[in-house]
Amino acid sequence: GNHAQMHGPIDAELFFPSPKKTWCIGQMMNRKEVPAYAYLDFWSHKPKCTRWFYKLLSHLIAPLSAYIFTHADTIPVYKDTRLIKTFKLTIENLEKGSNIIIFPEKPEGFNEIVNEFQDKFIDVAKLYYDKYGKTLSFVPMYNGAKLKTVMLGKPIQYDPNIPLDKQRKIICDYLKNEITALAKS
């Protein structure tokens, strides 16, 4: 789904039916890593004269962030070699019957509704198929914060007969376009 700033993850945690797990950036779950990540991701673009405040704030939120995100229905996501852990936990939870909620947007615009997607999350479908012989479906989810609504669209299924690099593009393009259509409806 679209991240919708903090609304997407909050709505997923509070209103999405269980069983579910939401991918959460791992650094926001580790008290020592929160300050650097939070400052860089949320506040480094603020005016220079106020950055001292946001650096302080990033340290102050660390204990609360780590507590909340480790006690929510989350799977830590990493952008380094620990990504293997993310995929392993995701596959285990899928096999237990959990839905996995992913907000794959990156800070590069696609259109006025949704940003471009990081596409490596699609790899979970290949790994799951390789391990269990089952195909996964990806369901587009539009988070309309101003409308106070979450809408689910028509799923797209992973096809193991199409090379992974092509599958990433097909599935991501479909999801972005479908989220846009949901928003415009």
Protein backbone atom coordinates (compact mmCIF):
# COMPACT_ATOMS: atom_id res chain seq x y z
CA GLY A 1 0.00 0.00 0.00
CA ASN A 2 0.84 3.66 -0.09
CA HIS A 3 2.51 4.75 3.12
CA ALA A 4 0.40 7.91 3.61
CA GLN A 5 3.05 9.24 6.00
CA MET A 6 2.32 7.63 9.37
CA HIS A 7 -1.32 6.84 8.55
CA GLY A 8 -0.68 3.65 6.57
CA PRO A 9 1.21 1.79 9.30
CA ILE A 10 -1.08 3.05 12.07
CA ASP A 11 -4.22 2.06 10.16
CA ALA A 12 -2.71 -1.34 9.38
CA GLU A 13 -1.95 -1.96 13.04
CA LEU A 14 -5.28 -0.74 14.40
CA PHE A 15 -7.83 -1.70 11.75
CA PHE A 16 -6.50 -4.47 9.53
CA PRO A 17 -7.97 -7.83 10.55
CA SER A 18 -5.58 -10.32 12.09
CA PRO A 19 -3.62 -12.42 11.57
CA LYS A 20 -1.25 -9.91 10.01
CA LYS A 21 2.30 -8.64 10.19
CA THR A 22 3.49 -5.29 8.90
CA TRP A 23 6.96 -4.72 7.57
CA CYS A 24 8.66 -2.07 9.70
CA ILE A 25 12.08 -0.54 9.12
CA GLY A 26 14.32 -2.43 11.55
CA GLN A 27 16.20 0.65 12.72
CA MET A 28 12.98 2.03 14.24
CA MET A 29 12.77 -1.10 16.39
CA ASN A 30 16.27 -0.78 17.84
CA ARG A 31 16.70 1.90 20.50
CA LYS A 32 20.34 2.52 19.53
CA GLU A 33 19.55 2.88 15.82
CA VAL A 34 16.40 5.05 16.08
CA PRO A 35 18.08 8.47 16.48
CA ALA A 36 20.24 8.31 13.36
CA TYR A 37 17.51 6.76 11.22
CA ALA A 38 14.70 9.03 12.46
CA TYR A 39 16.71 12.19 11.99
CA LEU A 40 17.90 11.24 8.51
CA ASP A 41 14.55 9.94 7.27
CA PHE A 42 12.14 12.41 8.91
CA TRP A 43 13.90 15.64 9.76
CA SER A 44 17.24 16.16 7.97
CA HIS A 45 15.50 18.37 5.39
CA LYS A 46 14.26 20.83 8.04
CA PRO A 47 15.68 24.38 8.12
CA LYS A 48 19.22 24.48 9.42
CA CYS A 49 18.30 26.70 12.38
CA THR A 50 15.88 24.03 13.77
CA ARG A 51 17.91 20.89 13.11
CA TRP A 52 19.35 20.85 16.65
CA PHE A 53 15.79 20.41 17.94
CA TYR A 54 15.11 17.49 15.62
CA LYS A 55 18.39 15.82 16.51
CA LEU A 56 17.35 16.05 20.16
CA LEU A 57 13.85 14.83 19.34
CA SER A 58 15.23 11.83 17.47
CA HIS A 59 17.00 10.75 20.68
CA LEU A 60 13.94 11.41 22.83
CA ILE A 61 11.65 9.23 20.72
CA ALA A 62 14.06 6.28 20.63
CA PRO A 63 12.77 4.39 23.69
CA LEU A 64 9.12 4.88 22.73
CA SER A 65 9.72 3.97 19.09
CA ALA A 66 11.59 0.78 19.95
CA TYR A 67 8.88 -0.22 22.44
CA ILE A 68 5.95 0.45 20.11
CA PHE A 69 7.42 -1.18 17.02
CA THR A 70 8.68 -4.29 18.79
CA HIS A 71 5.31 -4.82 20.49
CA ALA A 72 3.20 -4.27 17.37
CA ASP A 73 2.52 -6.98 14.78
CA THR A 74 5.70 -6.22 12.84
CA ILE A 75 8.53 -7.85 10.93
CA PRO A 76 11.79 -5.87 10.93
CA VAL A 77 13.00 -4.83 7.47
CA TYR A 78 16.66 -4.20 6.75
CA LYS A 79 18.51 -2.89 3.73
CA ASP A 80 21.69 -4.82 4.44
CA THR A 81 22.60 -8.50 4.89
CA ARG A 82 19.94 -8.77 7.61
CA LEU A 83 17.33 -8.70 4.83
CA ILE A 84 17.59 -12.50 4.89
CA LYS A 85 16.01 -12.35 8.36
CA THR A 86 13.15 -10.22 6.99
CA PHE A 87 12.43 -12.73 4.23
CA LYS A 88 12.70 -15.71 6.59
CA LEU A 89 10.26 -14.22 9.11
CA THR A 90 7.90 -13.21 6.31
CA ILE A 91 7.81 -16.70 4.82
CA GLU A 92 7.27 -18.27 8.26
CA ASN A 93 4.35 -15.93 8.95
CA LEU A 94 2.82 -16.49 5.52
CA GLU A 95 2.89 -20.24 6.10
CA LYS A 96 1.14 -19.69 9.47
CA GLY A 97 -1.66 -17.87 7.61
CA SER A 98 -0.71 -14.25 8.28
CA ASN A 99 -1.27 -11.46 5.81
CA ILE A 100 1.86 -9.39 5.26
CA ILE A 101 1.40 -5.64 4.91
CA ILE A 102 4.13 -3.80 3.03
CA PHE A 103 4.53 -0.10 2.30
CA PRO A 104 7.22 -0.19 -0.41
CA GLU A 105 7.21 3.48 -1.44
CA LYS A 106 10.48 5.29 -1.91
CA PRO A 107 10.92 9.09 -2.03
CA GLU A 108 10.63 9.27 -5.81
CA GLY A 109 7.30 10.31 -7.26
CA PHE A 110 5.23 8.07 -9.53
CA ASN A 111 2.18 10.34 -9.67
CA GLU A 112 0.18 12.67 -7.39
CA ILE A 113 -1.14 9.70 -5.35
CA VAL A 114 1.69 7.24 -4.87
CA ASN A 115 5.49 7.19 -5.07
CA GLU A 116 7.65 4.73 -6.94
CA PHE A 117 8.08 1.36 -5.22
CA GLN A 118 11.17 -0.40 -4.02
CA ASP A 119 10.71 -3.72 -5.78
CA LYS A 120 12.67 -6.33 -3.82
CA PHE A 121 9.63 -7.21 -1.69
CA ILE A 122 8.42 -9.23 -4.71
CA ASP A 123 11.31 -11.64 -4.04
CA VAL A 124 9.32 -13.04 -1.11
CA ALA A 125 6.91 -14.59 -3.62
CA LYS A 126 9.72 -16.42 -5.40
CA LEU A 127 11.24 -17.67 -2.14
CA TYR A 128 7.82 -18.78 -0.90
CA TYR A 129 7.09 -20.58 -4.17
CA ASP A 130 10.51 -22.26 -4.12
CA LYS A 131 9.95 -23.50 -0.57
CA TYR A 132 6.25 -24.44 -0.59
CA GLY A 133 5.22 -24.59 -4.26
CA LYS A 134 2.44 -22.07 -3.61
CA THR A 135 1.93 -18.76 -5.39
CA LEU A 136 1.29 -15.52 -3.52
CA SER A 137 -1.10 -12.75 -4.41
CA PHE A 138 -0.33 -9.08 -3.91
CA VAL A 139 -3.33 -6.95 -2.96
CA PRO A 140 -3.22 -3.19 -3.65
CA MET A 141 -4.19 -1.12 -0.62
CA TYR A 142 -5.02 2.58 -0.78
CA ASN A 143 -4.70 4.53 2.46
CA GLY A 144 -6.82 7.67 2.14
CA ALA A 145 -5.86 9.55 5.28
CA LYS A 146 -7.96 12.65 4.49
CA LEU A 147 -10.91 10.42 3.59
CA LYS A 148 -10.35 8.27 6.68
CA THR A 149 -10.60 5.13 4.58
CA VAL A 150 -8.58 2.13 3.51
CA MET A 151 -9.54 0.40 0.28
CA LEU A 152 -8.36 -2.93 -1.10
CA GLY A 153 -8.18 -3.60 -4.83
CA LYS A 154 -8.09 -6.65 -7.06
CA PRO A 155 -5.03 -8.84 -6.36
CA ILE A 156 -2.30 -9.77 -8.80
CA GLN A 157 -0.70 -13.19 -8.53
CA TYR A 158 2.98 -14.00 -8.72
CA ASP A 159 3.74 -16.14 -11.79
CA PRO A 160 6.77 -18.43 -11.32
CA ASN A 161 7.02 -18.87 -15.10
CA ILE A 162 8.01 -15.21 -15.60
CA PRO A 163 11.59 -14.20 -14.68
CA LEU A 164 11.84 -12.41 -11.33
CA ASP A 165 13.17 -9.13 -12.75
CA LYS A 166 10.13 -8.93 -15.06
CA GLN A 167 7.77 -9.99 -12.26
CA ARG A 168 9.03 -7.13 -10.08
CA LYS A 169 8.14 -4.59 -12.75
CA ILE A 170 4.80 -6.17 -13.68
CA ILE A 171 3.61 -6.46 -10.08
CA CYS A 172 4.89 -3.05 -8.93
CA ASP A 173 3.40 -1.25 -11.95
CA TYR A 174 0.08 -3.02 -11.43
CA LEU A 175 -0.01 -2.14 -7.71
CA LYS A 176 0.87 1.54 -8.25
CA ASN A 177 -1.73 1.90 -11.00
CA GLU A 178 -4.39 0.09 -9.00
CA ILE A 179 -3.72 2.20 -5.87
CA THR A 180 -4.07 5.28 -8.06
CA ALA A 181 -7.37 4.02 -9.47
CA LEU A 182 -8.65 3.25 -5.96
CA ALA A 183 -7.73 6.75 -4.82
CA LYS A 184 -9.43 8.39 -7.78
CA SER A 185 -12.59 6.33 -7.28
